[in-house]
């Protein structure tokens, strides 16, 4: 499971002009507090595209039905993501998600 980030980046690496996207794929499991993977990046050292993907991926993981459980509500997802803002997630994309949610655009 932990190799999917680097494996995904490797698969995409032959594409030119997509370096930012590839970094998003590679680093979307880095944590704002530095406890993530694959490289243990921390805070602003994590590319913003990866921080955005991390929040979006988590929202999707919480709200989508899985083979082992029914998806949870958007409200539950928002609470969970806000609880980990500044720890697991960069606060900036969390705030952007919250704004969209509060506007009913999510």
C-alpha atoms as a PDB file:
ATOM      1  CA  UNK A   1       0.000   0.000   0.000  1.00  0.00           C
ATOM      2  CA  UNK A   2       2.719   2.482   0.903  1.00  0.00           C
ATOM      3  CA  UNK A   3       4.410   2.011  -2.462  1.00  0.00           C
ATOM      4  CA  UNK A   4       1.459   3.242  -4.522  1.00  0.00           C
ATOM      5  CA  UNK A   5       2.648   6.845  -4.288  1.00  0.00           C
ATOM      6  CA  UNK A   6       6.121   6.221  -5.665  1.00  0.00           C
ATOM      7  CA  UNK A   7       4.869   3.574  -8.073  1.00  0.00           C
ATOM      8  CA  UNK A   8       2.285   6.004  -9.454  1.00  0.00           C
ATOM      9  CA  UNK A   9       4.964   8.673  -9.890  1.00  0.00           C
ATOM     10  CA  UNK A  10       7.208   6.167 -11.670  1.00  0.00           C
ATOM     11  CA  UNK A  11       4.422   5.211 -14.067  1.00  0.00           C
ATOM     12  CA  UNK A  12       3.789   8.865 -14.914  1.00  0.00           C
ATOM     13  CA  UNK A  13       7.459   9.908 -15.054  1.00  0.00           C
ATOM     14  CA  UNK A  14       7.883   9.476 -18.841  1.00  0.00           C
ATOM     15  CA  UNK A  15       5.289  12.203 -19.405  1.00  0.00           C
ATOM     16  CA  UNK A  16       6.834  15.608 -20.025  1.00  0.00           C
ATOM     17  CA  UNK A  17       5.225  18.773 -18.754  1.00  0.00           C
ATOM     18  CA  UNK A  18       3.461  17.039 -15.870  1.00  0.00           C
ATOM     19  CA  UNK A  19       6.110  17.364 -13.170  1.00  0.00           C
ATOM     20  CA  UNK A  20       3.753  19.187 -10.784  1.00  0.00           C
ATOM     21  CA  UNK A  21       1.070  16.527 -11.209  1.00  0.00           C
ATOM     22  CA  UNK A  22       3.625  13.763 -10.702  1.00  0.00           C
ATOM     23  CA  UNK A  23       4.716  15.432  -7.451  1.00  0.00           C
ATOM     24  CA  UNK A  24       1.072  15.490  -6.403  1.00  0.00           C
ATOM     25  CA  UNK A  25       0.817  11.749  -6.974  1.00  0.00           C
ATOM     26  CA  UNK A  26       4.128  11.030  -5.246  1.00  0.00           C
ATOM     27  CA  UNK A  27       3.602  13.174  -2.150  1.00  0.00           C
ATOM     28  CA  UNK A  28      -0.151  13.050  -1.450  1.00  0.00           C
ATOM     29  CA  UNK A  29       0.424  10.832   1.607  1.00  0.00           C
ATOM     30  CA  UNK A  30       2.931  13.168   3.208  1.00  0.00           C
ATOM     31  CA  UNK A  31       1.570  14.678   6.421  1.00  0.00           C
ATOM     32  CA  UNK A  32       1.783  18.303   7.475  1.00  0.00           C
ATOM     33  CA  UNK A  33       3.366  17.162  10.758  1.00  0.00           C
ATOM     34  CA  UNK A  34       6.070  15.197   8.904  1.00  0.00           C
ATOM     35  CA  UNK A  35       4.791  11.716   9.798  1.00  0.00           C
ATOM     36  CA  UNK A  36       3.763  10.755   6.252  1.00  0.00           C
ATOM     37  CA  UNK A  37       5.407   8.906   3.397  1.00  0.00           C
ATOM     38  CA  UNK A  38       7.308   8.364   1.139  1.00  0.00           C
ATOM     39  CA  UNK A  39       9.898  10.974   2.196  1.00  0.00           C
ATOM     40  CA  UNK A  40       8.619  12.376   5.501  1.00  0.00           C
ATOM     41  CA  UNK A  41       8.161  15.873   4.079  1.00  0.00           C
ATOM     42  CA  UNK A  42       6.698  18.420   6.487  1.00  0.00           C
ATOM     43  CA  UNK A  43       4.667  21.624   6.412  1.00  0.00           C
ATOM     44  CA  UNK A  44       5.331  23.914   3.485  1.00  0.00           C
ATOM     45  CA  UNK A  45       7.900  21.409   2.177  1.00  0.00           C
ATOM     46  CA  UNK A  46       4.991  19.390   0.809  1.00  0.00           C
ATOM     47  CA  UNK A  47       4.001  20.559  -2.684  1.00  0.00           C
ATOM     48  CA  UNK A  48       0.634  22.339  -2.563  1.00  0.00           C
ATOM     49  CA  UNK A  49      -0.795  20.081  -5.269  1.00  0.00           C
ATOM     50  CA  UNK A  50      -0.055  17.074  -3.034  1.00  0.00           C
ATOM     51  CA  UNK A  51      -1.670  18.811  -0.045  1.00  0.00           C
ATOM     52  CA  UNK A  52      -4.798  19.477  -2.126  1.00  0.00           C
ATOM     53  CA  UNK A  53      -4.932  15.880  -3.367  1.00  0.00           C
ATOM     54  CA  UNK A  54      -4.513  14.611   0.211  1.00  0.00           C
ATOM     55  CA  UNK A  55      -7.600  16.510   1.397  1.00  0.00           C
ATOM     56  CA  UNK A  56      -9.662  15.555  -1.662  1.00  0.00           C
ATOM     57  CA  UNK A  57      -8.579  11.908  -1.442  1.00  0.00           C
ATOM     58  CA  UNK A  58      -9.513  11.754   2.235  1.00  0.00           C
ATOM     59  CA  UNK A  59     -12.906  13.343   1.631  1.00  0.00           C
ATOM     60  CA  UNK A  60     -13.555  10.795  -1.107  1.00  0.00           C
ATOM     61  CA  UNK A  61     -12.326   7.877   1.016  1.00  0.00           C
ATOM     62  CA  UNK A  62     -14.628   8.832   3.881  1.00  0.00           C
ATOM     63  CA  UNK A  63     -17.744   9.487   1.803  1.00  0.00           C
ATOM     64  CA  UNK A  64     -17.497   6.667  -0.761  1.00  0.00           C
ATOM     65  CA  UNK A  65     -18.957   3.203  -0.236  1.00  0.00           C
ATOM     66  CA  UNK A  66     -16.296   0.520   0.185  1.00  0.00           C
ATOM     67  CA  UNK A  67     -16.621  -3.248   0.055  1.00  0.00           C
ATOM     68  CA  UNK A  68     -16.176  -3.322   3.839  1.00  0.00           C
ATOM     69  CA  UNK A  69     -18.359  -0.335   4.848  1.00  0.00           C
ATOM     70  CA  UNK A  70     -20.904   2.176   3.644  1.00  0.00           C
ATOM     71  CA  UNK A  71     -19.625   5.664   2.946  1.00  0.00           C
ATOM     72  CA  UNK A  72     -20.092   8.183   5.721  1.00  0.00           C
ATOM     73  CA  UNK A  73     -21.805  11.556   5.390  1.00  0.00           C
ATOM     74  CA  UNK A  74     -20.163  14.707   4.099  1.00  0.00           C
ATOM     75  CA  UNK A  75     -20.667  16.215   7.538  1.00  0.00           C
ATOM     76  CA  UNK A  76     -18.650  13.417   9.146  1.00  0.00           C
ATOM     77  CA  UNK A  77     -15.931  13.855   6.538  1.00  0.00           C
ATOM     78  CA  UNK A  78     -15.736  17.604   7.147  1.00  0.00           C
ATOM     79  CA  UNK A  79     -15.430  17.162  10.916  1.00  0.00           C
ATOM     80  CA  UNK A  80     -12.729  14.522  10.494  1.00  0.00           C
ATOM     81  CA  UNK A  81     -10.721  16.591   8.020  1.00  0.00           C
ATOM     82  CA  UNK A  82     -10.997  19.733  10.167  1.00  0.00           C
ATOM     83  CA  UNK A  83      -9.841  17.745  13.216  1.00  0.00           C
ATOM     84  CA  UNK A  84      -6.620  16.883  11.391  1.00  0.00           C
ATOM     85  CA  UNK A  85      -5.975  20.331   9.921  1.00  0.00           C
ATOM     86  CA  UNK A  86      -2.446  21.398  10.860  1.00  0.00           C
ATOM     87  CA  UNK A  87      -1.547  17.811  11.796  1.00  0.00           C
ATOM     88  CA  UNK A  88      -2.188  15.537   8.845  1.00  0.00           C
ATOM     89  CA  UNK A  89      -3.370  18.229   6.431  1.00  0.00           C
ATOM     90  CA  UNK A  90      -2.114  21.619   5.335  1.00  0.00           C
ATOM     91  CA  UNK A  91      -4.706  24.102   6.698  1.00  0.00           C
ATOM     92  CA  UNK A  92      -4.982  25.994   3.383  1.00  0.00           C
ATOM     93  CA  UNK A  93      -6.695  23.251   1.336  1.00  0.00           C
ATOM     94  CA  UNK A  94      -8.793  22.340   4.394  1.00  0.00           C
ATOM     95  CA  UNK A  95     -10.070  25.928   4.504  1.00  0.00           C
ATOM     96  CA  UNK A  96     -10.763  25.875   0.763  1.00  0.00           C
ATOM     97  CA  UNK A  97     -12.770  22.662   1.148  1.00  0.00           C
ATOM     98  CA  UNK A  98     -14.664  24.148   4.087  1.00  0.00           C
ATOM     99  CA  UNK A  99     -15.547  27.243   2.054  1.00  0.00           C
ATOM    100  CA  UNK A 100     -16.890  25.113  -0.786  1.00  0.00           C
ATOM    101  CA  UNK A 101     -18.838  22.973   1.666  1.00  0.00           C
ATOM    102  CA  UNK A 102     -20.354  26.005   3.419  1.00  0.00           C
ATOM    103  CA  UNK A 103     -21.393  27.495   0.054  1.00  0.00           C
ATOM    104  CA  UNK A 104     -23.109  24.235  -0.892  1.00  0.00           C
ATOM    105  CA  UNK A 105     -20.731  23.753  -3.815  1.00  0.00           C
ATOM    106  CA  UNK A 106     -19.403  20.403  -2.714  1.00  0.00           C
END
